[in-house]
Structure formats: C-alpha cells, structure tokens
Full PDB file with SEQRES, HELIX, SHEET, SSBOND, CRYST1, ORIGX, SCALE, CONECT and MASTER records, all heavy atoms in Angstrom:
SEQRES   1 A   34  ASP LEU THR ARG MET VAL ALA ASP SER LYS THR GLY SER          
SEQRES   2 A   34  THR VAL LYS LEU ASP ILE LEU ARG ARG GLY LYS ARG GLU          
SEQRES   3 A   34  THR VAL ASP VAL THR LEU ASP ALA                              
HELIX    1 AA1 LEU A    2  ASP A    8  1                                   7    
SHEET    1 AA1 2 THR A  14  ARG A  21  0                                        
SHEET    2 AA1 2 LYS A  24  THR A  31 -1                                        
CRYST1    1.000    1.000    1.000  90.00  90.00  90.00 P 1           1          
ORIGX1      1.000000  0.000000  0.000000        0.00000                         
ORIGX2      0.000000  1.000000  0.000000        0.00000                         
ORIGX3      0.000000  0.000000  1.000000        0.00000                         
SCALE1      1.000000  0.000000  0.000000        0.00000                         
SCALE2      0.000000  1.000000  0.000000        0.00000                         
SCALE3      0.000000  0.000000  1.000000        0.00000                         
ATOM      1  N   ASP A   1     -13.670  -1.513  -0.313  1.00  0.00           N  
ATOM      2  CA  ASP A   1     -13.085  -2.832  -0.058  1.00  0.00           C  
ATOM      3  C   ASP A   1     -11.568  -2.756  -0.117  1.00  0.00           C  
ATOM      4  O   ASP A   1     -10.869  -3.275   0.760  1.00  0.00           O  
ATOM      5  CB  ASP A   1     -13.589  -3.847  -1.093  1.00  0.00           C  
ATOM      6  CG  ASP A   1     -15.059  -4.159  -0.944  1.00  0.00           C  
ATOM      7  OD1 ASP A   1     -15.592  -3.962   0.161  1.00  0.00           O  
ATOM      8  OD2 ASP A   1     -15.677  -4.600  -1.929  1.00  0.00           O  
ATOM      9  N   LEU A   2     -11.037  -2.121  -1.158  1.00  0.00           N  
ATOM     10  CA  LEU A   2      -9.585  -2.036  -1.309  1.00  0.00           C  
ATOM     11  C   LEU A   2      -8.970  -1.211  -0.187  1.00  0.00           C  
ATOM     12  O   LEU A   2      -7.926  -1.576   0.364  1.00  0.00           O  
ATOM     13  CB  LEU A   2      -9.232  -1.426  -2.663  1.00  0.00           C  
ATOM     14  CG  LEU A   2      -7.729  -1.308  -2.952  1.00  0.00           C  
ATOM     15  CD1 LEU A   2      -7.075  -2.678  -2.983  1.00  0.00           C  
ATOM     16  CD2 LEU A   2      -7.478  -0.565  -4.255  1.00  0.00           C  
ATOM     17  N   THR A   3      -9.607  -0.088   0.169  1.00  0.00           N  
ATOM     18  CA  THR A   3      -9.085   0.764   1.241  1.00  0.00           C  
ATOM     19  C   THR A   3      -8.950  -0.008   2.544  1.00  0.00           C  
ATOM     20  O   THR A   3      -7.923   0.059   3.221  1.00  0.00           O  
ATOM     21  CB  THR A   3     -10.001   1.976   1.445  1.00  0.00           C  
ATOM     22  OG1 THR A   3     -10.064   2.740   0.244  1.00  0.00           O  
ATOM     23  CG2 THR A   3      -9.482   2.871   2.562  1.00  0.00           C  
ATOM     24  N   ARG A   4      -9.975  -0.767   2.896  1.00  0.00           N  
ATOM     25  CA  ARG A   4      -9.943  -1.515   4.152  1.00  0.00           C  
ATOM     26  C   ARG A   4      -8.924  -2.660   4.089  1.00  0.00           C  
ATOM     27  O   ARG A   4      -8.214  -2.923   5.052  1.00  0.00           O  
ATOM     28  CB  ARG A   4     -11.341  -2.056   4.474  1.00  0.00           C  
ATOM     29  CG  ARG A   4     -12.305  -0.991   4.965  1.00  0.00           C  
ATOM     30  CD  ARG A   4     -13.558  -1.627   5.532  1.00  0.00           C  
ATOM     31  NE  ARG A   4     -14.371  -2.232   4.490  1.00  0.00           N  
ATOM     32  CZ  ARG A   4     -15.385  -1.640   3.885  1.00  0.00           C  
ATOM     33  NH1 ARG A   4     -15.694  -0.399   4.204  1.00  0.00           N  
ATOM     34  NH2 ARG A   4     -16.089  -2.257   2.964  1.00  0.00           N  
ATOM     35  N   MET A   5      -8.873  -3.361   2.965  1.00  0.00           N  
ATOM     36  CA  MET A   5      -7.940  -4.482   2.849  1.00  0.00           C  
ATOM     37  C   MET A   5      -6.496  -4.023   2.988  1.00  0.00           C  
ATOM     38  O   MET A   5      -5.683  -4.650   3.674  1.00  0.00           O  
ATOM     39  CB  MET A   5      -8.134  -5.184   1.506  1.00  0.00           C  
ATOM     40  CG  MET A   5      -9.413  -5.973   1.367  1.00  0.00           C  
ATOM     41  SD  MET A   5      -9.526  -6.704  -0.287  1.00  0.00           S  
ATOM     42  CE  MET A   5     -11.207  -7.335  -0.260  1.00  0.00           C  
ATOM     43  N   VAL A   6      -6.147  -2.936   2.316  1.00  0.00           N  
ATOM     44  CA  VAL A   6      -4.776  -2.431   2.384  1.00  0.00           C  
ATOM     45  C   VAL A   6      -4.470  -1.945   3.797  1.00  0.00           C  
ATOM     46  O   VAL A   6      -3.387  -2.208   4.338  1.00  0.00           O  
ATOM     47  CB  VAL A   6      -4.560  -1.303   1.358  1.00  0.00           C  
ATOM     48  CG1 VAL A   6      -3.197  -0.647   1.556  1.00  0.00           C  
ATOM     49  CG2 VAL A   6      -4.672  -1.849  -0.065  1.00  0.00           C  
ATOM     50  N   ALA A   7      -5.413  -1.231   4.420  1.00  0.00           N  
ATOM     51  CA  ALA A   7      -5.193  -0.712   5.770  1.00  0.00           C  
ATOM     52  C   ALA A   7      -5.016  -1.837   6.779  1.00  0.00           C  
ATOM     53  O   ALA A   7      -4.242  -1.712   7.732  1.00  0.00           O  
ATOM     54  CB  ALA A   7      -6.345   0.183   6.185  1.00  0.00           C  
ATOM     55  N   ASP A   8      -5.713  -2.955   6.566  1.00  0.00           N  
ATOM     56  CA  ASP A   8      -5.621  -4.081   7.492  1.00  0.00           C  
ATOM     57  C   ASP A   8      -4.346  -4.901   7.292  1.00  0.00           C  
ATOM     58  O   ASP A   8      -4.005  -5.724   8.141  1.00  0.00           O  
ATOM     59  CB  ASP A   8      -6.831  -5.003   7.325  1.00  0.00           C  
ATOM     60  CG  ASP A   8      -8.110  -4.373   7.853  1.00  0.00           C  
ATOM     61  OD1 ASP A   8      -8.006  -3.397   8.624  1.00  0.00           O  
ATOM     62  OD2 ASP A   8      -9.199  -4.840   7.482  1.00  0.00           O  
ATOM     63  N   SER A   9      -3.665  -4.702   6.175  1.00  0.00           N  
ATOM     64  CA  SER A   9      -2.455  -5.471   5.888  1.00  0.00           C  
ATOM     65  C   SER A   9      -1.270  -4.909   6.667  1.00  0.00           C  
ATOM     66  O   SER A   9      -1.185  -3.706   6.913  1.00  0.00           O  
ATOM     67  CB  SER A   9      -2.149  -5.447   4.393  1.00  0.00           C  
ATOM     68  OG  SER A   9      -3.228  -5.993   3.642  1.00  0.00           O  
ATOM     69  N   LYS A  10      -0.352  -5.762   7.048  1.00  0.00           N  
ATOM     70  CA  LYS A  10       0.798  -5.339   7.832  1.00  0.00           C  
ATOM     71  C   LYS A  10       1.796  -4.565   6.977  1.00  0.00           C  
ATOM     72  O   LYS A  10       2.011  -4.876   5.805  1.00  0.00           O  
ATOM     73  CB  LYS A  10       1.491  -6.552   8.447  1.00  0.00           C  
ATOM     74  CG  LYS A  10       0.674  -7.287   9.514  1.00  0.00           C  
ATOM     75  CD  LYS A  10       1.469  -8.437  10.104  1.00  0.00           C  
ATOM     76  CE  LYS A  10       0.669  -9.148  11.188  1.00  0.00           C  
ATOM     77  NZ  LYS A  10       1.425 -10.278  11.768  1.00  0.00           N  
ATOM     78  N   THR A  11       2.373  -3.561   7.584  1.00  0.00           N  
ATOM     79  CA  THR A  11       3.428  -2.811   6.920  1.00  0.00           C  
ATOM     80  C   THR A  11       4.602  -3.738   6.616  1.00  0.00           C  
ATOM     81  O   THR A  11       5.038  -4.501   7.472  1.00  0.00           O  
ATOM     82  CB  THR A  11       3.905  -1.655   7.814  1.00  0.00           C  
ATOM     83  OG1 THR A  11       2.810  -0.781   8.076  1.00  0.00           O  
ATOM     84  CG2 THR A  11       5.022  -0.879   7.149  1.00  0.00           C  
ATOM     85  N   GLY A  12       5.083  -3.680   5.380  1.00  0.00           N  
ATOM     86  CA  GLY A  12       6.185  -4.535   4.975  1.00  0.00           C  
ATOM     87  C   GLY A  12       5.755  -5.858   4.385  1.00  0.00           C  
ATOM     88  O   GLY A  12       6.597  -6.598   3.844  1.00  0.00           O  
ATOM     89  N   SER A  13       4.453  -6.175   4.472  1.00  0.00           N  
ATOM     90  CA  SER A  13       3.975  -7.436   3.903  1.00  0.00           C  
ATOM     91  C   SER A  13       3.823  -7.310   2.388  1.00  0.00           C  
ATOM     92  O   SER A  13       3.636  -6.218   1.851  1.00  0.00           O  
ATOM     93  CB  SER A  13       2.640  -7.836   4.529  1.00  0.00           C  
ATOM     94  OG  SER A  13       1.634  -6.874   4.219  1.00  0.00           O  
ATOM     95  N   THR A  14       3.918  -8.433   1.697  1.00  0.00           N  
ATOM     96  CA  THR A  14       3.740  -8.461   0.247  1.00  0.00           C  
ATOM     97  C   THR A  14       2.376  -9.057  -0.079  1.00  0.00           C  
ATOM     98  O   THR A  14       2.038 -10.152   0.404  1.00  0.00           O  
ATOM     99  CB  THR A  14       4.840  -9.303  -0.428  1.00  0.00           C  
ATOM    100  OG1 THR A  14       6.115  -8.708  -0.146  1.00  0.00           O  
ATOM    101  CG2 THR A  14       4.640  -9.342  -1.932  1.00  0.00           C  
ATOM    102  N   VAL A  15       1.601  -8.332  -0.860  1.00  0.00           N  
ATOM    103  CA  VAL A  15       0.256  -8.782  -1.234  1.00  0.00           C  
ATOM    104  C   VAL A  15       0.200  -8.984  -2.740  1.00  0.00           C  
ATOM    105  O   VAL A  15       0.975  -8.387  -3.501  1.00  0.00           O  
ATOM    106  CB  VAL A  15      -0.814  -7.763  -0.798  1.00  0.00           C  
ATOM    107  CG1 VAL A  15      -0.822  -7.602   0.711  1.00  0.00           C  
ATOM    108  CG2 VAL A  15      -0.608  -6.404  -1.474  1.00  0.00           C  
ATOM    109  N   LYS A  16      -0.716  -9.829  -3.168  1.00  0.00           N  
ATOM    110  CA  LYS A  16      -0.917 -10.086  -4.592  1.00  0.00           C  
ATOM    111  C   LYS A  16      -2.169  -9.359  -5.063  1.00  0.00           C  
ATOM    112  O   LYS A  16      -3.244  -9.542  -4.487  1.00  0.00           O  
ATOM    113  CB  LYS A  16      -1.056 -11.587  -4.857  1.00  0.00           C  
ATOM    114  CG  LYS A  16       0.227 -12.369  -4.626  1.00  0.00           C  
ATOM    115  CD  LYS A  16       0.064 -13.820  -5.039  1.00  0.00           C  
ATOM    116  CE  LYS A  16       1.362 -14.595  -4.835  1.00  0.00           C  
ATOM    117  NZ  LYS A  16       2.435 -14.091  -5.724  1.00  0.00           N  
ATOM    118  N   LEU A  17      -2.020  -8.536  -6.072  1.00  0.00           N  
ATOM    119  CA  LEU A  17      -3.140  -7.806  -6.656  1.00  0.00           C  
ATOM    120  C   LEU A  17      -3.500  -8.414  -8.000  1.00  0.00           C  
ATOM    121  O   LEU A  17      -2.637  -8.559  -8.883  1.00  0.00           O  
ATOM    122  CB  LEU A  17      -2.786  -6.329  -6.850  1.00  0.00           C  
ATOM    123  CG  LEU A  17      -2.450  -5.510  -5.598  1.00  0.00           C  
ATOM    124  CD1 LEU A  17      -2.131  -4.074  -5.991  1.00  0.00           C  
ATOM    125  CD2 LEU A  17      -3.591  -5.548  -4.600  1.00  0.00           C  
ATOM    126  N   ASP A  18      -4.753  -8.809  -8.158  1.00  0.00           N  
ATOM    127  CA  ASP A  18      -5.261  -9.231  -9.459  1.00  0.00           C  
ATOM    128  C   ASP A  18      -5.795  -7.989 -10.160  1.00  0.00           C  
ATOM    129  O   ASP A  18      -6.679  -7.301  -9.632  1.00  0.00           O  
ATOM    130  CB  ASP A  18      -6.381 -10.259  -9.295  1.00  0.00           C  
ATOM    131  CG  ASP A  18      -5.880 -11.553  -8.677  1.00  0.00           C  
ATOM    132  OD1 ASP A  18      -4.678 -11.839  -8.810  1.00  0.00           O  
ATOM    133  OD2 ASP A  18      -6.689 -12.249  -8.032  1.00  0.00           O  
ATOM    134  N   ILE A  19      -5.253  -7.696 -11.344  1.00  0.00           N  
ATOM    135  CA  ILE A  19      -5.621  -6.470 -12.038  1.00  0.00           C  
ATOM    136  C   ILE A  19      -6.051  -6.765 -13.465  1.00  0.00           C  
ATOM    137  O   ILE A  19      -5.729  -7.817 -14.032  1.00  0.00           O  
ATOM    138  CB  ILE A  19      -4.457  -5.454 -12.048  1.00  0.00           C  
ATOM    139  CG1 ILE A  19      -3.284  -5.987 -12.890  1.00  0.00           C  
ATOM    140  CG2 ILE A  19      -3.997  -5.143 -10.632  1.00  0.00           C  
ATOM    141  CD1 ILE A  19      -2.182  -4.969 -13.107  1.00  0.00           C  
ATOM    142  N   LEU A  20      -6.783  -5.817 -14.022  1.00  0.00           N  
ATOM    143  CA  LEU A  20      -7.119  -5.821 -15.442  1.00  0.00           C  
ATOM    144  C   LEU A  20      -6.333  -4.686 -16.079  1.00  0.00           C  
ATOM    145  O   LEU A  20      -6.490  -3.525 -15.704  1.00  0.00           O  
ATOM    146  CB  LEU A  20      -8.613  -5.601 -15.654  1.00  0.00           C  
ATOM    147  CG  LEU A  20      -9.069  -5.606 -17.119  1.00  0.00           C  
ATOM    148  CD1 LEU A  20      -9.013  -7.022 -17.686  1.00  0.00           C  
ATOM    149  CD2 LEU A  20     -10.493  -5.045 -17.244  1.00  0.00           C  
ATOM    150  N   ARG A  21      -5.462  -5.047 -17.030  1.00  0.00           N  
ATOM    151  CA  ARG A  21      -4.624  -4.049 -17.688  1.00  0.00           C  
ATOM    152  C   ARG A  21      -4.753  -4.210 -19.201  1.00  0.00           C  
ATOM    153  O   ARG A  21      -4.408  -5.248 -19.748  1.00  0.00           O  
ATOM    154  CB  ARG A  21      -3.167  -4.205 -17.245  1.00  0.00           C  
ATOM    155  CG  ARG A  21      -2.179  -3.292 -17.985  1.00  0.00           C  
ATOM    156  CD  ARG A  21      -0.774  -3.476 -17.434  1.00  0.00           C  
ATOM    157  NE  ARG A  21      -0.671  -2.951 -16.071  1.00  0.00           N  
ATOM    158  CZ  ARG A  21       0.413  -3.119 -15.297  1.00  0.00           C  
ATOM    159  NH1 ARG A  21       1.449  -3.825 -15.758  1.00  0.00           N  
ATOM    160  NH2 ARG A  21       0.448  -2.602 -14.081  1.00  0.00           N  
ATOM    161  N   ARG A  22      -5.273  -3.163 -19.838  1.00  0.00           N  
ATOM    162  CA  ARG A  22      -5.440  -3.180 -21.298  1.00  0.00           C  
ATOM    163  C   ARG A  22      -6.176  -4.426 -21.765  1.00  0.00           C  
ATOM    164  O   ARG A  22      -5.817  -5.068 -22.763  1.00  0.00           O  
ATOM    165  CB  ARG A  22      -4.089  -3.069 -21.991  1.00  0.00           C  
ATOM    166  CG  ARG A  22      -3.341  -1.790 -21.676  1.00  0.00           C  
ATOM    167  CD  ARG A  22      -2.006  -1.734 -22.404  1.00  0.00           C  
ATOM    168  NE  ARG A  22      -1.254  -0.542 -22.035  1.00  0.00           N  
ATOM    169  CZ  ARG A  22      -1.396   0.652 -22.615  1.00  0.00           C  
ATOM    170  NH1 ARG A  22      -2.272   0.809 -23.592  1.00  0.00           N  
ATOM    171  NH2 ARG A  22      -0.658   1.670 -22.214  1.00  0.00           N  
ATOM    172  N   GLY A  23      -7.217  -4.782 -21.019  1.00  0.00           N  
ATOM    173  CA  GLY A  23      -8.064  -5.898 -21.412  1.00  0.00           C  
ATOM    174  C   GLY A  23      -7.571  -7.263 -20.988  1.00  0.00           C  
ATOM    175  O   GLY A  23      -8.267  -8.267 -21.217  1.00  0.00           O  
ATOM    176  N   LYS A  24      -6.390  -7.365 -20.367  1.00  0.00           N  
ATOM    177  CA  LYS A  24      -5.834  -8.644 -19.949  1.00  0.00           C  
ATOM    178  C   LYS A  24      -5.683  -8.686 -18.432  1.00  0.00           C  
ATOM    179  O   LYS A  24      -5.319  -7.698 -17.812  1.00  0.00           O  
ATOM    180  CB  LYS A  24      -4.476  -8.886 -20.607  1.00  0.00           C  
ATOM    181  CG  LYS A  24      -4.527  -8.957 -22.135  1.00  0.00           C  
ATOM    182  CD  LYS A  24      -3.148  -9.212 -22.708  1.00  0.00           C  
ATOM    183  CE  LYS A  24      -3.194  -9.294 -24.230  1.00  0.00           C  
ATOM    184  NZ  LYS A  24      -1.844  -9.536 -24.812  1.00  0.00           N  
ATOM    185  N   ARG A  25      -5.929  -9.852 -17.865  1.00  0.00           N  
ATOM    186  CA  ARG A  25      -5.787 -10.029 -16.419  1.00  0.00           C  
ATOM    187  C   ARG A  25      -4.361 -10.426 -16.069  1.00  0.00           C  
ATOM    188  O   ARG A  25      -3.776 -11.301 -16.715  1.00  0.00           O  
ATOM    189  CB  ARG A  25      -6.780 -11.073 -15.899  1.00  0.00           C  
ATOM    190  CG  ARG A  25      -8.234 -10.611 -16.023  1.00  0.00           C  
ATOM    191  CD  ARG A  25      -9.202 -11.658 -15.517  1.00  0.00           C  
ATOM    192  NE  ARG A  25     -10.574 -11.208 -15.670  1.00  0.00           N  
ATOM    193  CZ  ARG A  25     -11.340 -10.752 -14.678  1.00  0.00           C  
ATOM    194  NH1 ARG A  25     -10.833 -10.679 -13.453  1.00  0.00           N  
ATOM    195  NH2 ARG A  25     -12.576 -10.374 -14.887  1.00  0.00           N  
ATOM    196  N   GLU A  26      -3.832  -9.765 -15.020  1.00  0.00           N  
ATOM    197  CA  GLU A  26      -2.483 -10.036 -14.559  1.00  0.00           C  
ATOM    198  C   GLU A  26      -2.468 -10.068 -13.035  1.00  0.00           C  
ATOM    199  O   GLU A  26      -3.399  -9.603 -12.379  1.00  0.00           O  
ATOM    200  CB  GLU A  26      -1.506  -8.951 -15.051  1.00  0.00           C  
ATOM    201  CG  GLU A  26      -1.438  -8.779 -16.553  1.00  0.00           C  
ATOM    202  CD  GLU A  26      -0.466  -7.686 -16.961  1.00  0.00           C  
ATOM    203  OE1 GLU A  26       0.372  -7.293 -16.108  1.00  0.00           O  
ATOM    204  OE2 GLU A  26      -0.546  -7.217 -18.107  1.00  0.00           O  
ATOM    205  N   THR A  27      -1.390 -10.615 -12.478  1.00  0.00           N  
ATOM    206  CA  THR A  27      -1.187 -10.609 -11.031  1.00  0.00           C  
ATOM    207  C   THR A  27       0.116  -9.870 -10.735  1.00  0.00           C  
ATOM    208  O   THR A  27       1.147 -10.147 -11.354  1.00  0.00           O  
ATOM    209  CB  THR A  27      -1.112 -12.025 -10.468  1.00  0.00           C  
ATOM    210  OG1 THR A  27      -2.351 -12.707 -10.737  1.00  0.00           O  
ATOM    211  CG2 THR A  27      -0.889 -12.001  -8.961  1.00  0.00           C  
ATOM    212  N   VAL A  28       0.041  -8.929  -9.800  1.00  0.00           N  
ATOM    213  CA  VAL A  28       1.188  -8.089  -9.460  1.00  0.00           C  
ATOM    214  C   VAL A  28       1.462  -8.222  -7.968  1.00  0.00           C  
ATOM    215  O   VAL A  28       0.537  -8.144  -7.144  1.00  0.00           O  
ATOM    216  CB  VAL A  28       0.925  -6.611  -9.821  1.00  0.00           C  
ATOM    217  CG1 VAL A  28       2.105  -5.739  -9.408  1.00  0.00           C  
ATOM    218  CG2 VAL A  28       0.644  -6.462 -11.306  1.00  0.00           C  
ATOM    219  N   ASP A  29       2.734  -8.427  -7.598  1.00  0.00           N  
ATOM    220  CA  ASP A  29       3.132  -8.456  -6.189  1.00  0.00           C  
ATOM    221  C   ASP A  29       3.532  -7.047  -5.749  1.00  0.00           C  
ATOM    222  O   ASP A  29       4.324  -6.383  -6.423  1.00  0.00           O  
ATOM    223  CB  ASP A  29       4.311  -9.402  -5.983  1.00  0.00           C  
ATOM    224  CG  ASP A  29       3.920 -10.861  -6.163  1.00  0.00           C  
ATOM    225  OD1 ASP A  29       2.720 -11.167  -6.035  1.00  0.00           O  
ATOM    226  OD2 ASP A  29       4.807 -11.690  -6.444  1.00  0.00           O  
ATOM    227  N   VAL A  30       2.988  -6.614  -4.612  1.00  0.00           N  
ATOM    228  CA  VAL A  30       3.282  -5.284  -4.087  1.00  0.00           C  
ATOM    229  C   VAL A  30       3.672  -5.409  -2.620  1.00  0.00           C  
ATOM    230  O   VAL A  30       2.953  -6.028  -1.834  1.00  0.00           O  
ATOM    231  CB  VAL A  30       2.076  -4.331  -4.214  1.00  0.00           C  
ATOM    232  CG1 VAL A  30       2.451  -2.941  -3.718  1.00  0.00           C  
ATOM    233  CG2 VAL A  30       1.566  -4.276  -5.639  1.00  0.00           C  
ATOM    234  N   THR A  31       4.800  -4.826  -2.242  1.00  0.00           N  
ATOM    235  CA  THR A  31       5.231  -4.779  -0.844  1.00  0.00           C  
ATOM    236  C   THR A  31       4.786  -3.449  -0.249  1.00  0.00           C  
ATOM    237  O   THR A  31       5.221  -2.382  -0.688  1.00  0.00           O  
ATOM    238  CB  THR A  31       6.753  -4.928  -0.725  1.00  0.00           C  
ATOM    239  OG1 THR A  31       7.147  -6.175  -1.295  1.00  0.00           O  
ATOM    240  CG2 THR A  31       7.187  -4.884   0.739  1.00  0.00           C  
ATOM    241  N   LEU A  32       3.907  -3.523   0.742  1.00  0.00           N  
ATOM    242  CA  LEU A  32       3.287  -2.323   1.296  1.00  0.00           C  
ATOM    243  C   LEU A  32       4.227  -1.591   2.247  1.00  0.00           C  
ATOM    244  O   LEU A  32       5.000  -2.212   2.981  1.00  0.00           O  
ATOM    245  CB  LEU A  32       1.993  -2.688   2.031  1.00  0.00           C  
ATOM    246  CG  LEU A  32       0.929  -3.424   1.211  1.00  0.00           C  
ATOM    247  CD1 LEU A  32      -0.248  -3.788   2.104  1.00  0.00           C  
ATOM    248  CD2 LEU A  32       0.461  -2.562   0.038  1.00  0.00           C  
ATOM    249  N   ASP A  33       4.116  -0.265   2.248  1.00  0.00           N  
ATOM    250  CA  ASP A  33       4.825   0.569   3.216  1.00  0.00           C  
ATOM    251  C   ASP A  33       3.846   1.030   4.290  1.00  0.00           C  
ATOM    252  O   ASP A  33       2.636   0.798   4.194  1.00  0.00           O  
ATOM    253  CB  ASP A  33       5.424   1.808   2.526  1.00  0.00           C  
ATOM    254  CG  ASP A  33       6.664   1.460   1.716  1.00  0.00           C  
ATOM    255  OD1 ASP A  33       7.214   0.366   1.923  1.00  0.00           O  
ATOM    256  OD2 ASP A  33       7.059   2.279   0.872  1.00  0.00           O  
ATOM    257  N   ALA A  34       4.368   1.701   5.323  1.00  0.00           N  
ATOM    258  CA  ALA A  34       3.523   2.320   6.336  1.00  0.00           C  
ATOM    259  C   ALA A  34       2.877   3.565   5.748  1.00  0.00           C  
ATOM    260  O   ALA A  34       3.514   4.306   4.990  1.00  0.00           O  
ATOM    261  CB  ALA A  34       4.332   2.691   7.571  1.00  0.00           C  
TER     262      ALA A  34                                                      
MASTER        0    0    0    1    2    0    0    6  261    1    0    3          
END                                                                             
C-alpha cells in the first residue's frame, strides 16, 4: 500500500504520514523527491 501510494504521488508534493513512534501517534509532513 505504501509503495503504491508514494509512487502515485507527484514529485515535489508534500504528503502527511501518520506514524507510530515509541508508542505515540504523530503526523509528519514529507516533501517527496523523484
């Protein structure tokens, strides 16, 4: 799922990732490269 979602996203676009880090949920913004 993650592989396809990232591949389908436009280069240079910023996506929001919901993550679990050390038992806590966080949201991280990532600007994708080619």
